Amino acid sequence: MTYCVAVRVDEGLVFASDSRTNAGADHISTYSKMFTFGRQGDRAFVVLTAGNLATTQSVIATIKRDIRSNTGTSLMTVETMTEAADYIGGLSAAQQQKHSTAVAGSAFDASASFILGGQISGSSPRVYMIYPEGNFIKATTESPFLQIGEIKYGKPILDRIITRKTSLDEAALAALVSMDSTMRSNATVGPPIDVLIYQKDSFNLERHYILQTDDPYLLEIKAAWDEKIKEAFAELRHITRNEPPSVGADA
C-alpha cells in the first residue's frame, strides 16, 4: 500500500510519501514514490505515485525519456501546470492500457494515481491529483491538500491544522504526523519517508529529507504525538459526568 500527501500553502508546497511496496509476513520491500524534475530559475516539479508499480515505473521512465530526448511534449516544454498534469494523465492512461492488455482475461489491476506539484515561472505553485482515468483535480483554498493511497488515517490531522496561512514548517510537521498516524494503523505503509519542502518562487528542490525507520526525528515525532494524544484524551470529560439527575432527586 501507499500513502502520499501534498500540501499547498501561501509560502509554497510540502510533499510527503512512504516507500513501502510490500509488507508480507516474511518480506518487506521498498521503492521511492517521490520524483523530482526541474530547471533552475524556470520550473520545478514533484511527482508522487501510488498504485500498480509496473505502471508507475513506466510513467516515470517515460517522463525521464521525454526530457532526455528534448523533442515533443515533456515537463521541460509544457507552458502551464495544467498542461503538465494533462501530460502525465495521458502517459498514465496509456501505460495502464498497455499493461492491462498484456494480461487480458486476468484480475490484474494496472491502475495508478499520481500527485503532481510544482511551479512554472510566471505562475504560482500548484498541486494536482491525477486519477487512474487520466483526469485530475487541483488543490484549492478550501481544500489545500491532496492525498493518494491509504488516505483515511492521515486525513484528520490535516483537516484540523492545514490552512493556506499555515507556514511551510508547520505544514511539513502536519504531513509527518499524518504519515505517522497512517503507519500506526496500516503496516503496509512504512519508511523510508520522503519529505520535500518547496519555497514559492525558489525553483529549488534541495530541501528533500529521507527519514529511515530509526531516524531520531521520526522517532521523536512518533513518541511525542502518542504522548500528547493520550494526555488530551485523559483531559476530556467522561459522558457519565453529564448524566441528568435521577427522577425524584429533588422531591
Protein backbone atom coordinates (compact mmCIF):
# COMPACT_ATOMS: atom_id res chain seq x y z
CA MET A 1 0.00 0.00 0.00
CA THR A 2 1.00 3.63 -0.27
CA TYR A 3 0.40 6.96 1.38
CA CYS A 4 1.34 10.24 -0.28
CA VAL A 5 0.25 13.77 0.56
CA ALA A 6 0.90 17.21 -0.92
CA VAL A 7 0.04 20.48 0.82
CA ARG A 8 -0.30 23.88 -0.82
CA VAL A 9 0.05 26.94 1.43
CA ASP A 10 0.80 30.57 0.67
CA GLU A 11 4.53 30.10 1.30
CA GLY A 12 4.87 27.13 -1.04
CA LEU A 13 4.38 23.38 -1.16
CA VAL A 14 5.08 20.35 1.05
CA PHE A 15 5.21 16.75 -0.12
CA ALA A 16 5.48 13.50 1.86
CA SER A 17 5.45 9.87 0.77
CA ASP A 18 6.26 6.47 2.20
CA SER A 19 8.41 3.89 0.40
CA ARG A 20 6.87 0.53 1.27
CA THR A 21 5.69 -1.57 -1.68
CA ASN A 22 5.26 -4.93 0.04
CA ALA A 23 4.75 -5.96 3.65
CA GLY A 24 4.24 -9.70 3.62
CA ALA A 25 4.87 -11.98 6.58
CA ASP A 26 8.44 -12.78 5.50
CA HIS A 27 9.39 -9.97 3.14
CA ILE A 28 9.31 -6.18 3.12
CA SER A 29 10.36 -4.25 0.03
CA THR A 30 10.70 -0.53 -0.54
CA TYR A 31 10.61 1.75 -3.54
CA SER A 32 10.67 5.54 -3.52
CA LYS A 33 7.40 7.12 -4.63
CA MET A 34 8.71 10.70 -4.90
CA PHE A 35 10.40 12.00 -8.04
CA THR A 36 11.69 15.49 -8.85
CA PHE A 37 12.26 17.27 -12.14
CA GLY A 38 13.25 20.86 -12.81
CA ARG A 39 15.25 23.56 -14.47
CA GLN A 40 16.81 26.19 -12.26
CA GLY A 41 15.02 29.52 -12.35
CA ASP A 42 12.30 28.27 -14.68
CA ARG A 43 10.38 25.26 -13.38
CA ALA A 44 10.23 22.72 -10.56
CA PHE A 45 8.09 19.58 -10.37
CA VAL A 46 7.47 16.88 -7.77
CA VAL A 47 5.62 13.69 -8.72
CA LEU A 48 4.20 11.26 -6.13
CA THR A 49 2.97 7.83 -7.20
CA ALA A 50 0.52 5.23 -5.93
CA GLY A 51 -0.91 2.05 -7.38
CA ASN A 52 0.48 -0.60 -9.69
CA LEU A 53 4.27 -0.48 -9.57
CA ALA A 54 4.74 -1.53 -13.21
CA THR A 55 2.52 1.33 -14.33
CA THR A 56 4.13 3.96 -12.12
CA GLN A 57 7.66 2.88 -13.06
CA SER A 58 6.77 3.03 -16.75
CA VAL A 59 5.27 6.51 -16.41
CA ILE A 60 8.32 7.85 -14.56
CA ALA A 61 10.65 6.22 -17.09
CA THR A 62 8.72 7.84 -19.94
CA ILE A 63 8.85 11.26 -18.27
CA LYS A 64 12.65 10.94 -17.98
CA ARG A 65 12.98 9.68 -21.57
CA ASP A 66 10.90 12.55 -22.96
CA ILE A 67 13.09 15.06 -21.12
CA ARG A 68 16.29 13.44 -22.40
CA SER A 69 15.05 13.29 -25.99
CA ASN A 70 14.29 17.03 -25.93
CA THR A 71 11.58 16.56 -28.56
CA GLY A 72 7.79 16.74 -28.41
CA THR A 73 5.96 17.24 -25.14
CA SER A 74 7.76 16.90 -21.82
CA LEU A 75 7.86 18.52 -18.40
CA MET A 76 10.51 20.83 -19.81
CA THR A 77 8.29 22.05 -22.67
CA VAL A 78 4.82 22.42 -21.14
CA GLU A 79 3.81 26.03 -20.56
CA THR A 80 1.45 25.57 -17.59
CA MET A 81 1.00 23.24 -14.63
CA THR A 82 -2.35 22.18 -16.08
CA GLU A 83 -0.60 21.06 -19.27
CA ALA A 84 1.87 19.13 -17.13
CA ALA A 85 -0.96 17.34 -15.29
CA ASP A 86 -2.64 16.55 -18.61
CA TYR A 87 0.63 15.17 -19.97
CA ILE A 88 1.16 12.82 -17.00
CA GLY A 89 -2.50 11.79 -17.06
CA GLY A 90 -2.11 10.78 -20.70
CA LEU A 91 1.04 8.78 -20.00
CA SER A 92 -0.67 7.01 -17.12
CA ALA A 93 -3.76 6.08 -19.11
CA ALA A 94 -1.60 4.73 -21.95
CA GLN A 95 0.57 2.62 -19.65
CA GLN A 96 -2.46 1.21 -17.82
CA GLN A 97 -3.96 0.21 -21.14
CA LYS A 98 -0.67 -1.41 -22.19
CA HIS A 99 -0.28 -3.45 -19.00
CA SER A 100 -3.95 -4.44 -18.85
CA THR A 101 -3.83 -5.69 -22.45
CA ALA A 102 -0.71 -7.73 -21.70
CA VAL A 103 -2.62 -9.78 -19.11
CA ALA A 104 -6.10 -9.71 -20.63
CA GLY A 105 -8.56 -12.07 -19.02
CA SER A 106 -6.93 -11.94 -15.59
CA ALA A 107 -7.78 -9.96 -12.47
CA PHE A 108 -4.65 -7.85 -12.90
CA ASP A 109 -5.12 -4.26 -11.75
CA ALA A 110 -2.84 -1.84 -13.60
CA SER A 111 -4.41 1.32 -12.17
CA ALA A 112 -2.25 4.10 -10.76
CA SER A 113 -2.72 7.56 -9.28
CA PHE A 114 -0.34 10.49 -9.16
CA ILE A 115 0.13 13.77 -7.38
CA LEU A 116 1.89 16.48 -9.36
CA GLY A 117 3.01 19.65 -7.69
CA GLY A 118 5.34 22.45 -8.57
CA GLN A 119 5.71 25.78 -10.27
CA ILE A 120 6.47 27.18 -13.71
CA SER A 121 7.95 30.67 -13.99
CA GLY A 122 5.26 33.30 -14.35
CA SER A 123 2.62 31.41 -12.39
CA SER A 124 2.01 30.42 -8.79
CA PRO A 125 2.67 26.95 -7.32
CA ARG A 126 0.01 24.32 -7.99
CA VAL A 127 -0.84 20.79 -6.84
CA TYR A 128 -2.90 18.28 -8.83
CA MET A 129 -4.19 14.78 -8.11
CA ILE A 130 -4.30 12.68 -11.29
CA TYR A 131 -6.83 9.84 -11.28
CA PRO A 132 -6.27 6.46 -12.98
CA GLU A 133 -8.52 7.60 -15.85
CA GLY A 134 -6.11 10.47 -16.57
CA ASN A 135 -8.36 13.31 -15.41
CA PHE A 136 -7.32 15.45 -12.46
CA ILE A 137 -8.30 17.96 -9.79
CA LYS A 138 -6.23 20.67 -8.10
CA ALA A 139 -5.73 21.80 -4.53
CA THR A 140 -7.75 24.93 -3.75
CA THR A 141 -8.06 27.49 -0.98
CA GLU A 142 -10.89 25.43 0.52
CA SER A 143 -9.04 22.12 0.03
CA PRO A 144 -5.32 22.94 0.40
CA PHE A 145 -4.04 19.36 0.48
CA LEU A 146 -4.41 16.26 -1.69
CA GLN A 147 -3.76 12.60 -0.85
CA ILE A 148 -3.40 9.30 -2.71
CA GLY A 149 -3.17 5.74 -1.45
CA GLU A 150 -4.20 4.91 2.12
CA ILE A 151 -5.67 8.32 2.87
CA LYS A 152 -8.17 7.84 5.69
CA TYR A 153 -5.87 7.57 8.72
CA GLY A 154 -3.83 10.67 7.97
CA LYS A 155 -6.65 12.99 6.94
CA PRO A 156 -8.00 14.11 10.37
CA ILE A 157 -4.82 15.92 11.45
CA LEU A 158 -4.61 17.70 8.09
CA ASP A 159 -8.25 18.76 8.30
CA ARG A 160 -7.65 20.29 11.72
CA ILE A 161 -4.31 22.00 11.07
CA ILE A 162 -3.81 22.95 7.43
CA THR A 163 -4.99 26.28 6.04
CA ARG A 164 -3.50 28.45 3.32
CA LYS A 165 -1.89 30.58 6.07
CA THR A 166 -0.07 27.62 7.66
CA SER A 167 3.72 28.05 7.50
CA LEU A 168 5.82 25.65 5.45
CA ASP A 169 7.48 24.21 8.55
CA GLU A 170 4.12 23.64 10.24
CA ALA A 171 2.74 22.07 7.05
CA ALA A 172 5.73 19.72 6.91
CA LEU A 173 5.20 18.74 10.55
CA ALA A 174 1.48 18.13 9.93
CA ALA A 175 2.35 15.97 6.91
CA LEU A 176 4.73 13.90 9.04
CA VAL A 177 2.18 13.46 11.82
CA SER A 178 -0.33 12.45 9.15
CA MET A 179 2.19 9.88 7.88
CA ASP A 180 2.85 8.59 11.40
CA SER A 181 -0.89 8.14 12.02
CA THR A 182 -1.16 6.16 8.80
CA MET A 183 1.83 3.94 9.61
CA ARG A 184 0.40 3.30 13.09
CA SER A 185 -2.87 1.96 11.62
CA ASN A 186 -1.63 0.28 8.45
CA ALA A 187 1.50 -1.89 8.40
CA THR A 188 1.69 -1.73 4.59
CA VAL A 189 2.72 1.94 4.83
CA GLY A 190 6.22 2.49 6.14
CA PRO A 191 9.66 4.11 5.98
CA PRO A 192 11.82 5.39 4.47
CA ILE A 193 9.72 8.57 4.41
CA ASP A 194 10.44 11.23 1.79
CA VAL A 195 9.64 14.83 2.71
CA LEU A 196 10.23 17.75 0.37
CA ILE A 197 9.62 21.42 1.20
CA TYR A 198 9.35 23.83 -1.73
CA GLN A 199 9.57 27.58 -1.14
CA LYS A 200 7.43 29.61 -3.53
CA ASP A 201 9.37 31.17 -6.44
CA SER A 202 12.63 29.47 -5.43
CA PHE A 203 12.65 26.78 -8.15
CA ASN A 204 14.80 24.85 -5.70
CA LEU A 205 14.05 21.22 -4.80
CA GLU A 206 17.00 20.68 -2.45
CA ARG A 207 15.01 20.65 0.82
CA HIS A 208 14.43 16.94 0.40
CA TYR A 209 14.67 14.77 3.51
CA ILE A 210 14.72 10.95 3.64
CA LEU A 211 13.81 9.60 7.08
CA GLN A 212 14.73 5.98 7.81
CA THR A 213 12.93 3.76 10.34
CA ASP A 214 15.41 4.62 13.10
CA ASP A 215 15.70 8.32 12.27
CA PRO A 216 15.80 10.20 15.63
CA TYR A 217 13.44 12.94 14.41
CA LEU A 218 10.87 10.44 13.14
CA LEU A 219 11.03 8.54 16.44
CA GLU A 220 10.71 11.81 18.37
CA ILE A 221 7.56 12.81 16.49
CA LYS A 222 6.01 9.38 16.99
CA ALA A 223 6.70 9.35 20.74
CA ALA A 224 5.57 12.95 21.26
CA TRP A 225 2.37 12.53 19.24
CA ASP A 226 1.45 9.34 21.11
CA GLU A 227 2.00 11.08 24.44
CA LYS A 228 0.08 14.24 23.53
CA ILE A 229 -2.92 12.27 22.23
CA LYS A 230 -3.09 10.29 25.47
CA GLU A 231 -2.81 13.48 27.54
CA ALA A 232 -5.58 15.17 25.55
CA PHE A 233 -7.81 12.11 25.86
CA ALA A 234 -7.26 11.95 29.63
CA GLU A 235 -8.43 15.56 29.94
CA LEU A 236 -11.75 15.01 28.16
CA ARG A 237 -14.88 14.87 30.30
CA HIS A 238 -16.48 11.42 30.59
CA ILE A 239 -20.07 11.06 29.40
CA THR A 240 -21.08 9.79 32.86
CA ARG A 241 -20.26 13.23 34.26
CA ASN A 242 -23.05 14.66 32.14
CA GLU A 243 -25.84 12.34 33.26
CA PRO A 244 -29.15 14.03 34.19
CA PRO A 245 -30.19 13.82 37.85
CA SER A 246 -32.25 10.79 38.85
CA VAL A 247 -36.03 11.11 38.69
CA GLY A 248 -37.36 12.35 42.01
CA ALA A 249 -33.99 13.52 43.19
CA ASP A 250 -35.40 16.94 44.11
CA ALA A 251 -38.51 15.58 45.74
